[in-house]
Amino acid sequence: MAIVSGAPTTLSKEEIEKVKALVLRYLQDHNRITNRLLRELSGIAYDQAIYFFRQMIKQELLDRIGTTSNIHYVLSERGLKKQ
């Protein structure tokens, strides 16, 4: 995936699945992931990363930890069981 100027704020189902697989692989070796790191790894835009994390929280796969600039995401209990 590449960052595109004027990128949409959402991701297609296929893009979500690709990013989800990337995040789950990353979280096998690391305890957490941030919006910035996700964007660096996947090439998606800021708003798309926000959208992705919201979808993963709704699916109860990730939990959001922290506030403002200290926000990071970790596997939820359900996400850990899927590993």
PDB file of N, CA and C in Angstrom:
ATOM      1  N   MET A   1       0.837  -1.171   0.000  1.00  0.00           N
ATOM      2  CA  MET A   1       0.000   0.000   0.000  1.00  0.00           C
ATOM      3  C   MET A   1       0.883   1.236   0.000  1.00  0.00           C
ATOM      4  N   ALA A   2       0.436   2.248  -0.672  1.00  0.00           N
ATOM      5  CA  ALA A   2       1.204   3.492  -0.718  1.00  0.00           C
ATOM      6  C   ALA A   2       0.340   4.654  -0.258  1.00  0.00           C
ATOM      7  N   ILE A   3       0.976   5.590   0.404  1.00  0.00           N
ATOM      8  CA  ILE A   3       0.256   6.788   0.813  1.00  0.00           C
ATOM      9  C   ILE A   3      -0.057   7.595  -0.431  1.00  0.00           C
ATOM     10  N   VAL A   4      -1.297   7.962  -0.561  1.00  0.00           N
ATOM     11  CA  VAL A   4      -1.747   8.717  -1.718  1.00  0.00           C
ATOM     12  C   VAL A   4      -2.281  10.053  -1.236  1.00  0.00           C
ATOM     13  N   SER A   5      -1.844  11.119  -1.875  1.00  0.00           N
ATOM     14  CA  SER A   5      -2.357  12.434  -1.516  1.00  0.00           C
ATOM     15  C   SER A   5      -3.865  12.431  -1.681  1.00  0.00           C
ATOM     16  N   GLY A   6      -4.565  12.918  -0.677  1.00  0.00           N
ATOM     17  CA  GLY A   6      -6.018  12.913  -0.731  1.00  0.00           C
ATOM     18  C   GLY A   6      -6.601  11.532  -0.542  1.00  0.00           C
ATOM     19  N   ALA A   7      -5.873  10.655   0.168  1.00  0.00           N
ATOM     20  CA  ALA A   7      -6.329   9.282   0.388  1.00  0.00           C
ATOM     21  C   ALA A   7      -7.655   9.288   1.137  1.00  0.00           C
ATOM     22  N   PRO A   8      -8.508   8.314   0.860  1.00  0.00           N
ATOM     23  CA  PRO A   8      -9.777   8.235   1.589  1.00  0.00           C
ATOM     24  C   PRO A   8      -9.520   7.970   3.071  1.00  0.00           C
ATOM     25  N   THR A   9     -10.502   8.275   3.889  1.00  0.00           N
ATOM     26  CA  THR A   9     -10.328   8.084   5.329  1.00  0.00           C
ATOM     27  C   THR A   9     -10.657   6.661   5.766  1.00  0.00           C
ATOM     28  N   THR A  10     -11.174   5.860   4.866  1.00  0.00           N
ATOM     29  CA  THR A  10     -11.504   4.472   5.191  1.00  0.00           C
ATOM     30  C   THR A  10     -10.623   3.538   4.380  1.00  0.00           C
ATOM     31  N   LEU A  11     -10.736   2.274   4.687  1.00  0.00           N
ATOM     32  CA  LEU A  11     -10.024   1.231   3.948  1.00  0.00           C
ATOM     33  C   LEU A  11     -11.052   0.213   3.467  1.00  0.00           C
ATOM     34  N   SER A  12     -10.762  -0.413   2.339  1.00  0.00           N
ATOM     35  CA  SER A  12     -11.644  -1.482   1.861  1.00  0.00           C
ATOM     36  C   SER A  12     -11.477  -2.698   2.763  1.00  0.00           C
ATOM     37  N   LYS A  13     -12.386  -3.641   2.653  1.00  0.00           N
ATOM     38  CA  LYS A  13     -12.287  -4.874   3.440  1.00  0.00           C
ATOM     39  C   LYS A  13     -10.973  -5.597   3.157  1.00  0.00           C
ATOM     40  N   GLU A  14     -10.561  -5.597   1.905  1.00  0.00           N
ATOM     41  CA  GLU A  14      -9.312  -6.257   1.530  1.00  0.00           C
ATOM     42  C   GLU A  14      -8.111  -5.546   2.157  1.00  0.00           C
ATOM     43  N   GLU A  15      -8.132  -4.218   2.139  1.00  0.00           N
ATOM     44  CA  GLU A  15      -7.036  -3.455   2.744  1.00  0.00           C
ATOM     45  C   GLU A  15      -6.989  -3.674   4.256  1.00  0.00           C
ATOM     46  N   ILE A  16      -8.166  -3.711   4.883  1.00  0.00           N
ATOM     47  CA  ILE A  16      -8.217  -3.963   6.327  1.00  0.00           C
ATOM     48  C   ILE A  16      -7.600  -5.315   6.648  1.00  0.00           C
ATOM     49  N   GLU A  17      -7.922  -6.329   5.867  1.00  0.00           N
ATOM     50  CA  GLU A  17      -7.382  -7.666   6.119  1.00  0.00           C
ATOM     51  C   GLU A  17      -5.860  -7.690   5.944  1.00  0.00           C
ATOM     52  N   LYS A  18      -5.353  -6.985   4.944  1.00  0.00           N
ATOM     53  CA  LYS A  18      -3.901  -6.926   4.735  1.00  0.00           C
ATOM     54  C   LYS A  18      -3.210  -6.231   5.905  1.00  0.00           C
ATOM     55  N   VAL A  19      -3.769  -5.106   6.333  1.00  0.00           N
ATOM     56  CA  VAL A  19      -3.177  -4.359   7.445  1.00  0.00           C
ATOM     57  C   VAL A  19      -3.305  -5.166   8.734  1.00  0.00           C
ATOM     58  N   LYS A  20      -4.436  -5.833   8.910  1.00  0.00           N
ATOM     59  CA  LYS A  20      -4.654  -6.655  10.102  1.00  0.00           C
ATOM     60  C   LYS A  20      -3.606  -7.763  10.186  1.00  0.00           C
ATOM     61  N   ALA A  21      -3.341  -8.432   9.082  1.00  0.00           N
ATOM     62  CA  ALA A  21      -2.324  -9.485   9.068  1.00  0.00           C
ATOM     63  C   ALA A  21      -0.953  -8.905   9.421  1.00  0.00           C
ATOM     64  N   LEU A  22      -0.640  -7.742   8.884  1.00  0.00           N
ATOM     65  CA  LEU A  22       0.625  -7.074   9.170  1.00  0.00           C
ATOM     66  C   LEU A  22       0.742  -6.755  10.662  1.00  0.00           C
ATOM     67  N   VAL A  23      -0.315  -6.215  11.240  1.00  0.00           N
ATOM     68  CA  VAL A  23      -0.316  -5.849  12.660  1.00  0.00           C
ATOM     69  C   VAL A  23      -0.199  -7.093  13.534  1.00  0.00           C
ATOM     70  N   LEU A  24      -0.925  -8.141  13.214  1.00  0.00           N
ATOM     71  CA  LEU A  24      -0.857  -9.361  14.025  1.00  0.00           C
ATOM     72  C   LEU A  24       0.538  -9.979  13.970  1.00  0.00           C
ATOM     73  N   ARG A  25       1.174  -9.954  12.795  1.00  0.00           N
ATOM     74  CA  ARG A  25       2.560 -10.439  12.691  1.00  0.00           C
ATOM     75  C   ARG A  25       3.489  -9.579  13.541  1.00  0.00           C
ATOM     76  N   TYR A  26       3.318  -8.270  13.450  1.00  0.00           N
ATOM     77  CA  TYR A  26       4.161  -7.347  14.210  1.00  0.00           C
ATOM     78  C   TYR A  26       3.999  -7.581  15.715  1.00  0.00           C
ATOM     79  N   LEU A  27       2.769  -7.776  16.159  1.00  0.00           N
ATOM     80  CA  LEU A  27       2.500  -7.935  17.579  1.00  0.00           C
ATOM     81  C   LEU A  27       2.920  -9.299  18.128  1.00  0.00           C
ATOM     82  N   GLN A  28       3.302 -10.215  17.272  1.00  0.00           N
ATOM     83  CA  GLN A  28       3.858 -11.483  17.745  1.00  0.00           C
ATOM     84  C   GLN A  28       5.214 -11.257  18.407  1.00  0.00           C
ATOM     85  N   ASP A  29       5.947 -10.240  17.945  1.00  0.00           N
ATOM     86  CA  ASP A  29       7.292  -9.966  18.460  1.00  0.00           C
ATOM     87  C   ASP A  29       7.386  -8.696  19.293  1.00  0.00           C
ATOM     88  N   HIS A  30       6.327  -7.882  19.300  1.00  0.00           N
ATOM     89  CA  HIS A  30       6.336  -6.611  20.024  1.00  0.00           C
ATOM     90  C   HIS A  30       5.059  -6.511  20.850  1.00  0.00           C
ATOM     91  N   ASN A  31       5.116  -5.787  21.982  1.00  0.00           N
ATOM     92  CA  ASN A  31       3.932  -5.721  22.837  1.00  0.00           C
ATOM     93  C   ASN A  31       2.902  -4.715  22.355  1.00  0.00           C
ATOM     94  N   ARG A  32       3.305  -3.737  21.563  1.00  0.00           N
ATOM     95  CA  ARG A  32       2.359  -2.682  21.199  1.00  0.00           C
ATOM     96  C   ARG A  32       2.709  -2.080  19.846  1.00  0.00           C
ATOM     97  N   ILE A  33       1.731  -1.338  19.310  1.00  0.00           N
ATOM     98  CA  ILE A  33       1.933  -0.642  18.045  1.00  0.00           C
ATOM     99  C   ILE A  33       1.262   0.726  18.154  1.00  0.00           C
ATOM    100  N   THR A  34       1.841   1.706  17.501  1.00  0.00           N
ATOM    101  CA  THR A  34       1.290   3.061  17.489  1.00  0.00           C
ATOM    102  C   THR A  34       0.771   3.399  16.102  1.00  0.00           C
ATOM    103  N   ASN A  35       0.014   4.486  16.037  1.00  0.00           N
ATOM    104  CA  ASN A  35      -0.483   4.972  14.756  1.00  0.00           C
ATOM    105  C   ASN A  35       0.697   5.267  13.828  1.00  0.00           C
ATOM    106  N   ARG A  36       1.688   5.959  14.340  1.00  0.00           N
ATOM    107  CA  ARG A  36       2.843   6.331  13.518  1.00  0.00           C
ATOM    108  C   ARG A  36       3.558   5.097  12.966  1.00  0.00           C
ATOM    109  N   LEU A  37       3.781   4.114  13.824  1.00  0.00           N
ATOM    110  CA  LEU A  37       4.458   2.902  13.380  1.00  0.00           C
ATOM    111  C   LEU A  37       3.626   2.156  12.349  1.00  0.00           C
ATOM    112  N   LEU A  38       2.325   2.078  12.571  1.00  0.00           N
ATOM    113  CA  LEU A  38       1.455   1.419  11.592  1.00  0.00           C
ATOM    114  C   LEU A  38       1.565   2.098  10.232  1.00  0.00           C
ATOM    115  N   ARG A  39       1.559   3.418  10.227  1.00  0.00           N
ATOM    116  CA  ARG A  39       1.669   4.148   8.962  1.00  0.00           C
ATOM    117  C   ARG A  39       3.003   3.882   8.286  1.00  0.00           C
ATOM    118  N   GLU A  40       4.076   3.814   9.065  1.00  0.00           N
ATOM    119  CA  GLU A  40       5.397   3.532   8.499  1.00  0.00           C
ATOM    120  C   GLU A  40       5.458   2.129   7.898  1.00  0.00           C
ATOM    121  N   LEU A  41       4.879   1.153   8.596  1.00  0.00           N
ATOM    122  CA  LEU A  41       4.919  -0.232   8.144  1.00  0.00           C
ATOM    123  C   LEU A  41       4.022  -0.502   6.939  1.00  0.00           C
ATOM    124  N   SER A  42       2.856   0.147   6.924  1.00  0.00           N
ATOM    125  CA  SER A  42       1.848  -0.187   5.912  1.00  0.00           C
ATOM    126  C   SER A  42       1.729   0.816   4.774  1.00  0.00           C
ATOM    127  N   GLY A  43       2.172   2.048   5.011  1.00  0.00           N
ATOM    128  CA  GLY A  43       2.039   3.075   3.976  1.00  0.00           C
ATOM    129  C   GLY A  43       0.670   3.708   3.904  1.00  0.00           C
ATOM    130  N   ILE A  44      -0.186   3.437   4.889  1.00  0.00           N
ATOM    131  CA  ILE A  44      -1.506   4.064   4.864  1.00  0.00           C
ATOM    132  C   ILE A  44      -1.434   5.459   5.469  1.00  0.00           C
ATOM    133  N   ALA A  45      -2.459   6.246   5.241  1.00  0.00           N
ATOM    134  CA  ALA A  45      -2.522   7.621   5.730  1.00  0.00           C
ATOM    135  C   ALA A  45      -2.984   7.656   7.193  1.00  0.00           C
ATOM    136  N   TYR A  46      -2.794   8.794   7.841  1.00  0.00           N
ATOM    137  CA  TYR A  46      -3.156   8.975   9.249  1.00  0.00           C
ATOM    138  C   TYR A  46      -4.622   8.618   9.509  1.00  0.00           C
ATOM    139  N   ASP A  47      -5.540   9.182   8.737  1.00  0.00           N
ATOM    140  CA  ASP A  47      -6.972   8.927   8.939  1.00  0.00           C
ATOM    141  C   ASP A  47      -7.322   7.465   8.697  1.00  0.00           C
ATOM    142  N   GLN A  48      -6.632   6.835   7.757  1.00  0.00           N
ATOM    143  CA  GLN A  48      -6.861   5.420   7.503  1.00  0.00           C
ATOM    144  C   GLN A  48      -6.401   4.572   8.691  1.00  0.00           C
ATOM    145  N   ALA A  49      -5.304   4.980   9.320  1.00  0.00           N
ATOM    146  CA  ALA A  49      -4.823   4.261  10.505  1.00  0.00           C
ATOM    147  C   ALA A  49      -5.830   4.389  11.642  1.00  0.00           C
ATOM    148  N   ILE A  50      -6.359   5.594  11.835  1.00  0.00           N
ATOM    149  CA  ILE A  50      -7.384   5.808  12.860  1.00  0.00           C
ATOM    150  C   ILE A  50      -8.582   4.897  12.575  1.00  0.00           C
ATOM    151  N   TYR A  51      -9.026   4.886  11.331  1.00  0.00           N
ATOM    152  CA  TYR A  51     -10.155   4.041  10.928  1.00  0.00           C
ATOM    153  C   TYR A  51      -9.844   2.571  11.217  1.00  0.00           C
ATOM    154  N   PHE A  52      -8.655   2.127  10.833  1.00  0.00           N
ATOM    155  CA  PHE A  52      -8.260   0.738  11.053  1.00  0.00           C
ATOM    156  C   PHE A  52      -8.315   0.386  12.540  1.00  0.00           C
ATOM    157  N   PHE A  53      -7.696   1.215  13.380  1.00  0.00           N
ATOM    158  CA  PHE A  53      -7.679   0.915  14.809  1.00  0.00           C
ATOM    159  C   PHE A  53      -9.094   0.891  15.385  1.00  0.00           C
ATOM    160  N   ARG A  54      -9.953   1.775  14.950  1.00  0.00           N
ATOM    161  CA  ARG A  54     -11.346   1.762  15.425  1.00  0.00           C
ATOM    162  C   ARG A  54     -12.039   0.454  15.049  1.00  0.00           C
ATOM    163  N   GLN A  55     -11.783  -0.021  13.834  1.00  0.00           N
ATOM    164  CA  GLN A  55     -12.382  -1.284  13.406  1.00  0.00           C
ATOM    165  C   GLN A  55     -11.876  -2.450  14.249  1.00  0.00           C
ATOM    166  N   MET A  56     -10.587  -2.466  14.566  1.00  0.00           N
ATOM    167  CA  MET A  56     -10.010  -3.543  15.365  1.00  0.00           C
ATOM    168  C   MET A  56     -10.511  -3.496  16.810  1.00  0.00           C
ATOM    169  N   ILE A  57     -10.767  -2.306  17.320  1.00  0.00           N
ATOM    170  CA  ILE A  57     -11.336  -2.173  18.663  1.00  0.00           C
ATOM    171  C   ILE A  57     -12.779  -2.680  18.660  1.00  0.00           C
ATOM    172  N   LYS A  58     -13.552  -2.324  17.623  1.00  0.00           N
ATOM    173  CA  LYS A  58     -14.937  -2.816  17.508  1.00  0.00           C
ATOM    174  C   LYS A  58     -14.984  -4.337  17.446  1.00  0.00           C
ATOM    175  N   GLN A  59     -13.998  -4.920  16.751  1.00  0.00           N
ATOM    176  CA  GLN A  59     -13.929  -6.382  16.638  1.00  0.00           C
ATOM    177  C   GLN A  59     -13.323  -7.022  17.885  1.00  0.00           C
ATOM    178  N   GLU A  60     -12.950  -6.193  18.839  1.00  0.00           N
ATOM    179  CA  GLU A  60     -12.346  -6.624  20.101  1.00  0.00           C
ATOM    180  C   GLU A  60     -11.039  -7.378  19.895  1.00  0.00           C
ATOM    181  N   LEU A  61     -10.298  -7.016  18.855  1.00  0.00           N
ATOM    182  CA  LEU A  61      -8.990  -7.623  18.618  1.00  0.00           C
ATOM    183  C   LEU A  61      -7.864  -6.808  19.247  1.00  0.00           C
ATOM    184  N   LEU A  62      -8.056  -5.484  19.316  1.00  0.00           N
ATOM    185  CA  LEU A  62      -7.051  -4.603  19.910  1.00  0.00           C
ATOM    186  C   LEU A  62      -7.692  -3.764  21.003  1.00  0.00           C
ATOM    187  N   ASP A  63      -6.871  -3.374  21.964  1.00  0.00           N
ATOM    188  CA  ASP A  63      -7.275  -2.427  22.994  1.00  0.00           C
ATOM    189  C   ASP A  63      -6.433  -1.171  22.844  1.00  0.00           C
ATOM    190  N   ARG A  64      -7.044  -0.037  23.097  1.00  0.00           N
ATOM    191  CA  ARG A  64      -6.357   1.254  23.055  1.00  0.00           C
ATOM    192  C   ARG A  64      -5.870   1.585  24.468  1.00  0.00           C
ATOM    193  N   ILE A  65      -4.613   1.947  24.576  1.00  0.00           N
ATOM    194  CA  ILE A  65      -4.008   2.267  25.866  1.00  0.00           C
ATOM    195  C   ILE A  65      -3.415   3.677  25.779  1.00  0.00           C
ATOM    196  N   GLY A  66      -3.591   4.469  26.828  1.00  0.00           N
ATOM    197  CA  GLY A  66      -2.986   5.791  26.897  1.00  0.00           C
ATOM    198  C   GLY A  66      -3.884   6.889  26.360  1.00  0.00           C
ATOM    199  N   THR A  67      -3.338   8.109  26.416  1.00  0.00           N
ATOM    200  CA  THR A  67      -4.060   9.286  25.937  1.00  0.00           C
ATOM    201  C   THR A  67      -3.140  10.162  25.113  1.00  0.00           C
ATOM    202  N   THR A  68      -3.735  11.002  24.325  1.00  0.00           N
ATOM    203  CA  THR A  68      -3.073  11.983  23.441  1.00  0.00           C
ATOM    204  C   THR A  68      -1.887  11.371  22.716  1.00  0.00           C
ATOM    205  N   SER A  69      -0.697  11.915  22.883  1.00  0.00           N
ATOM    206  CA  SER A  69       0.458  11.458  22.105  1.00  0.00           C
ATOM    207  C   SER A  69       1.032  10.144  22.630  1.00  0.00           C
ATOM    208  N   ASN A  70       0.492   9.637  23.717  1.00  0.00           N
ATOM    209  CA  ASN A  70       0.994   8.393  24.308  1.00  0.00           C
ATOM    210  C   ASN A  70       0.101   7.194  23.985  1.00  0.00           C
ATOM    211  N   ILE A  71      -0.762   7.309  22.991  1.00  0.00           N
ATOM    212  CA  ILE A  71      -1.679   6.219  22.649  1.00  0.00           C
ATOM    213  C   ILE A  71      -0.937   5.112  21.917  1.00  0.00           C
ATOM    214  N   HIS A  72      -1.198   3.895  22.345  1.00  0.00           N
ATOM    215  CA  HIS A  72      -0.702   2.726  21.630  1.00  0.00           C
ATOM    216  C   HIS A  72      -1.769   1.636  21.709  1.00  0.00           C
ATOM    217  N   TYR A  73      -1.591   0.619  20.926  1.00  0.00           N
ATOM    218  CA  TYR A  73      -2.586  -0.441  20.811  1.00  0.00           C
ATOM    219  C   TYR A  73      -1.929  -1.776  21.109  1.00  0.00           C
ATOM    220  N   VAL A  74      -2.650  -2.616  21.843  1.00  0.00           N
ATOM    221  CA  VAL A  74      -2.166  -3.941  22.213  1.00  0.00           C
ATOM    222  C   VAL A  74      -3.236  -4.961  21.864  1.00  0.00           C
ATOM    223  N   LEU A  75      -2.827  -6.219  21.772  1.00  0.00           N
ATOM    224  CA  LEU A  75      -3.809  -7.270  21.544  1.00  0.00           C
ATOM    225  C   LEU A  75      -4.743  -7.357  22.732  1.00  0.00           C
ATOM    226  N   SER A  76      -6.025  -7.473  22.469  1.00  0.00           N
ATOM    227  CA  SER A  76      -7.010  -7.672  23.528  1.00  0.00           C
ATOM    228  C   SER A  76      -6.967  -9.125  23.973  1.00  0.00           C
ATOM    229  N   GLU A  77      -7.713  -9.457  25.005  1.00  0.00           N
ATOM    230  CA  GLU A  77      -7.807 -10.854  25.439  1.00  0.00           C
ATOM    231  C   GLU A  77      -8.286 -11.738  24.277  1.00  0.00           C
ATOM    232  N   ARG A  78      -9.269 -11.246  23.548  1.00  0.00           N
ATOM    233  CA  ARG A  78      -9.790 -12.009  22.398  1.00  0.00           C
ATOM    234  C   ARG A  78      -8.718 -12.151  21.327  1.00  0.00           C
ATOM    235  N   GLY A  79      -7.980 -11.063  21.084  1.00  0.00           N
ATOM    236  CA  GLY A  79      -6.902 -11.098  20.108  1.00  0.00           C
ATOM    237  C   GLY A  79      -5.811 -12.061  20.502  1.00  0.00           C
ATOM    238  N   LEU A  80      -5.510 -12.139  21.787  1.00  0.00           N
ATOM    239  CA  LEU A  80      -4.500 -13.085  22.275  1.00  0.00           C
ATOM    240  C   LEU A  80      -4.940 -14.519  22.057  1.00  0.00           C
ATOM    241  N   LYS A  81      -6.234 -14.781  22.225  1.00  0.00           N
ATOM    242  CA  LYS A  81      -6.748 -16.139  22.031  1.00  0.00           C
ATOM    243  C   LYS A  81      -6.674 -16.564  20.577  1.00  0.00           C
ATOM    244  N   LYS A  82      -6.746 -15.591  19.659  1.00  0.00           N
ATOM    245  CA  LYS A  82      -6.690 -15.906  18.215  1.00  0.00           C
ATOM    246  C   LYS A  82      -5.275 -16.223  17.764  1.00  0.00           C
ATOM    247  N   GLN A  83      -4.277 -15.871  18.572  1.00  0.00           N
ATOM    248  CA  GLN A  83      -2.877 -16.089  18.209  1.00  0.00           C
ATOM    249  C   GLN A  83      -2.521 -17.544  18.248  1.00  0.00           C
TER     250      GLN A  83
END
